[in-house]
Amino acid sequence: MQKLFAWNYGNRDSVDQIEDIISKLPEIDPIISRNAPKWPLDKINKVDLSILRCASWELLYHLDTPPKVVIDEAIELAKEFGTESSPSFVNAVLGSMVKDLNILSGQSNTKQ
């Protein structure tokens, strides 16, 4: 998460270690946008956006991890590194995403 956060702020040295997440951002970001319709990506707190991107990547491409675990971990990161409102925001966006993409049933649908 720290490396993706650093990448958001222009530190491109860590790109090699988070290459897979970054390569999937064209697929991940529209899904985040769709599930946070009142918040354009450029207006989302950078910490929250990093957490959402990491969790979204895990939900979409690492289906062996239960969605509840991914969301719980993301909320814990938001509590530790985000603002007071970060945990509820992250929870709402990821919860909407899970429902939107039918991830709970094991059928991820990443169509935009």
C-alpha atoms as a PDB file:
ATOM      1  CA  MET A   1       0.000   0.000   0.000  1.00  0.00           C
ATOM      2  CA  GLN A   2       2.836   2.384   0.817  1.00  0.00           C
ATOM      3  CA  LYS A   3       4.396   1.861  -2.597  1.00  0.00           C
ATOM      4  CA  LEU A   4       1.140   2.614  -4.396  1.00  0.00           C
ATOM      5  CA  PHE A   5       0.677   5.667  -2.207  1.00  0.00           C
ATOM      6  CA  ALA A   6       4.204   6.805  -3.137  1.00  0.00           C
ATOM      7  CA  TRP A   7       3.425   6.212  -6.810  1.00  0.00           C
ATOM      8  CA  ASN A   8       0.336   8.451  -6.479  1.00  0.00           C
ATOM      9  CA  TYR A   9       2.634  11.237  -5.297  1.00  0.00           C
ATOM     10  CA  GLY A  10       5.086  10.843  -8.153  1.00  0.00           C
ATOM     11  CA  ASN A  11       7.662   8.435  -6.711  1.00  0.00           C
ATOM     12  CA  ARG A  12       8.145   6.203  -9.740  1.00  0.00           C
ATOM     13  CA  ASP A  13      11.020   4.227  -8.143  1.00  0.00           C
ATOM     14  CA  SER A  14       8.580   1.746  -6.627  1.00  0.00           C
ATOM     15  CA  VAL A  15       6.773   1.012  -9.909  1.00  0.00           C
ATOM     16  CA  ASP A  16       8.524  -2.310 -10.437  1.00  0.00           C
ATOM     17  CA  GLN A  17       7.082  -3.726  -7.191  1.00  0.00           C
ATOM     18  CA  ILE A  18       3.514  -2.654  -7.857  1.00  0.00           C
ATOM     19  CA  GLU A  19       3.561  -3.080 -11.598  1.00  0.00           C
ATOM     20  CA  ASP A  20       0.595  -5.429 -11.685  1.00  0.00           C
ATOM     21  CA  ILE A  21      -1.699  -3.065  -9.780  1.00  0.00           C
ATOM     22  CA  ILE A  22      -0.625  -0.107 -11.884  1.00  0.00           C
ATOM     23  CA  SER A  23      -1.114  -2.059 -15.106  1.00  0.00           C
ATOM     24  CA  LYS A  24      -4.701  -2.754 -14.023  1.00  0.00           C
ATOM     25  CA  LEU A  25      -5.572   0.861 -13.130  1.00  0.00           C
ATOM     26  CA  PRO A  26      -7.347   1.441 -16.476  1.00  0.00           C
ATOM     27  CA  GLU A  27      -9.735  -1.336 -15.398  1.00  0.00           C
ATOM     28  CA  ILE A  28      -9.801  -0.586 -11.656  1.00  0.00           C
ATOM     29  CA  ASP A  29     -10.266   3.192 -11.677  1.00  0.00           C
ATOM     30  CA  PRO A  30     -13.549   3.221 -13.651  1.00  0.00           C
ATOM     31  CA  ILE A  31     -14.950   0.644 -11.236  1.00  0.00           C
ATOM     32  CA  ILE A  32     -13.962   2.807  -8.265  1.00  0.00           C
ATOM     33  CA  SER A  33     -15.503   5.830  -9.999  1.00  0.00           C
ATOM     34  CA  ARG A  34     -18.726   3.962 -10.670  1.00  0.00           C
ATOM     35  CA  ASN A  35     -18.975   2.981  -7.005  1.00  0.00           C
ATOM     36  CA  ALA A  36     -18.051   6.429  -5.650  1.00  0.00           C
ATOM     37  CA  PRO A  37     -20.145   8.556  -8.032  1.00  0.00           C
ATOM     38  CA  LYS A  38     -19.982  11.738  -5.941  1.00  0.00           C
ATOM     39  CA  TRP A  39     -16.187  11.633  -5.796  1.00  0.00           C
ATOM     40  CA  PRO A  40     -14.087  12.058  -8.949  1.00  0.00           C
ATOM     41  CA  LEU A  41     -10.796  10.168  -8.584  1.00  0.00           C
ATOM     42  CA  ASP A  42      -8.775  13.377  -8.472  1.00  0.00           C
ATOM     43  CA  LYS A  43     -10.834  14.536  -5.470  1.00  0.00           C
ATOM     44  CA  ILE A  44     -10.435  11.352  -3.421  1.00  0.00           C
ATOM     45  CA  ASN A  45      -7.863  11.592  -0.653  1.00  0.00           C
ATOM     46  CA  LYS A  46      -4.641   9.972  -1.941  1.00  0.00           C
ATOM     47  CA  VAL A  47      -4.464   7.567   0.998  1.00  0.00           C
ATOM     48  CA  ASP A  48      -8.050   6.460   0.426  1.00  0.00           C
ATOM     49  CA  LEU A  49      -7.443   6.098  -3.304  1.00  0.00           C
ATOM     50  CA  SER A  50      -4.367   3.952  -2.705  1.00  0.00           C
ATOM     51  CA  ILE A  51      -6.294   1.740  -0.314  1.00  0.00           C
ATOM     52  CA  LEU A  52      -9.201   1.453  -2.753  1.00  0.00           C
ATOM     53  CA  ARG A  53      -6.892   0.579  -5.633  1.00  0.00           C
ATOM     54  CA  CYS A  54      -5.072  -2.122  -3.667  1.00  0.00           C
ATOM     55  CA  ALA A  55      -8.285  -3.618  -2.314  1.00  0.00           C
ATOM     56  CA  SER A  56      -9.995  -3.444  -5.716  1.00  0.00           C
ATOM     57  CA  TRP A  57      -7.079  -5.219  -7.341  1.00  0.00           C
ATOM     58  CA  GLU A  58      -7.258  -7.935  -4.716  1.00  0.00           C
ATOM     59  CA  LEU A  59     -11.045  -8.280  -5.067  1.00  0.00           C
ATOM     60  CA  LEU A  60     -10.883  -8.458  -8.849  1.00  0.00           C
ATOM     61  CA  TYR A  61      -7.753 -10.481  -9.506  1.00  0.00           C
ATOM     62  CA  HIS A  62      -7.098 -12.533  -6.363  1.00  0.00           C
ATOM     63  CA  LEU A  63     -10.355 -14.344  -5.906  1.00  0.00           C
ATOM     64  CA  ASP A  64      -8.823 -16.759  -3.397  1.00  0.00           C
ATOM     65  CA  THR A  65      -9.052 -14.068  -0.691  1.00  0.00           C
ATOM     66  CA  PRO A  66     -12.590 -13.709   0.683  1.00  0.00           C
ATOM     67  CA  PRO A  67     -14.098 -10.270  -0.045  1.00  0.00           C
ATOM     68  CA  LYS A  68     -14.903  -9.743   3.645  1.00  0.00           C
ATOM     69  CA  VAL A  69     -11.221 -10.177   4.517  1.00  0.00           C
ATOM     70  CA  VAL A  70     -10.127  -7.734   1.798  1.00  0.00           C
ATOM     71  CA  ILE A  71     -12.658  -5.137   2.967  1.00  0.00           C
ATOM     72  CA  ASP A  72     -11.776  -5.583   6.641  1.00  0.00           C
ATOM     73  CA  GLU A  73      -8.063  -5.133   5.877  1.00  0.00           C
ATOM     74  CA  ALA A  74      -8.788  -2.041   3.785  1.00  0.00           C
ATOM     75  CA  ILE A  75     -10.840  -0.532   6.605  1.00  0.00           C
ATOM     76  CA  GLU A  76      -8.014  -1.178   9.070  1.00  0.00           C
ATOM     77  CA  LEU A  77      -5.556   0.572   6.732  1.00  0.00           C
ATOM     78  CA  ALA A  78      -7.980   3.482   6.397  1.00  0.00           C
ATOM     79  CA  LYS A  79      -8.238   3.734  10.195  1.00  0.00           C
ATOM     80  CA  GLU A  80      -4.484   3.811  10.576  1.00  0.00           C
ATOM     81  CA  PHE A  81      -3.449   5.987   7.638  1.00  0.00           C
ATOM     82  CA  GLY A  82      -6.539   7.896   6.544  1.00  0.00           C
ATOM     83  CA  THR A  83      -8.723  10.634   7.918  1.00  0.00           C
ATOM     84  CA  GLU A  84     -11.592  10.247  10.363  1.00  0.00           C
ATOM     85  CA  SER A  85     -14.016   9.626   7.497  1.00  0.00           C
ATOM     86  CA  SER A  86     -11.747   7.263   5.558  1.00  0.00           C
ATOM     87  CA  PRO A  87     -12.908   3.952   7.076  1.00  0.00           C
ATOM     88  CA  SER A  88     -16.585   4.559   6.317  1.00  0.00           C
ATOM     89  CA  PHE A  89     -15.786   5.855   2.815  1.00  0.00           C
ATOM     90  CA  VAL A  90     -13.583   2.861   1.969  1.00  0.00           C
ATOM     91  CA  ASN A  91     -16.176   0.471   3.397  1.00  0.00           C
ATOM     92  CA  ALA A  92     -18.993   2.060   1.370  1.00  0.00           C
ATOM     93  CA  VAL A  93     -17.089   2.046  -1.920  1.00  0.00           C
ATOM     94  CA  LEU A  94     -15.806  -1.517  -1.560  1.00  0.00           C
ATOM     95  CA  GLY A  95     -19.173  -2.781  -0.340  1.00  0.00           C
ATOM     96  CA  SER A  96     -20.859  -1.232  -3.357  1.00  0.00           C
ATOM     97  CA  MET A  97     -18.192  -2.702  -5.609  1.00  0.00           C
ATOM     98  CA  VAL A  98     -18.695  -6.220  -4.244  1.00  0.00           C
ATOM     99  CA  LYS A  99     -22.443  -5.971  -4.887  1.00  0.00           C
ATOM    100  CA  ASP A 100     -21.966  -4.302  -8.277  1.00  0.00           C
ATOM    101  CA  LEU A 101     -19.566  -6.947  -9.542  1.00  0.00           C
ATOM    102  CA  ASN A 102     -21.229  -9.958  -7.901  1.00  0.00           C
ATOM    103  CA  ILE A 103     -17.922 -10.809  -6.268  1.00  0.00           C
ATOM    104  CA  LEU A 104     -19.539 -12.558  -3.304  1.00  0.00           C
ATOM    105  CA  SER A 105     -20.850 -15.246  -5.596  1.00  0.00           C
ATOM    106  CA  GLY A 106     -17.378 -15.733  -7.059  1.00  0.00           C
ATOM    107  CA  GLN A 107     -18.383 -14.247 -10.394  1.00  0.00           C
ATOM    108  CA  SER A 108     -16.290 -11.158 -10.949  1.00  0.00           C
ATOM    109  CA  ASN A 109     -17.529  -9.054 -13.827  1.00  0.00           C
ATOM    110  CA  THR A 110     -15.113  -6.229 -14.641  1.00  0.00           C
ATOM    111  CA  LYS A 111     -17.064  -4.849 -17.602  1.00  0.00           C
ATOM    112  CA  GLN A 112     -17.313  -1.091 -17.530  1.00  0.00           C
END
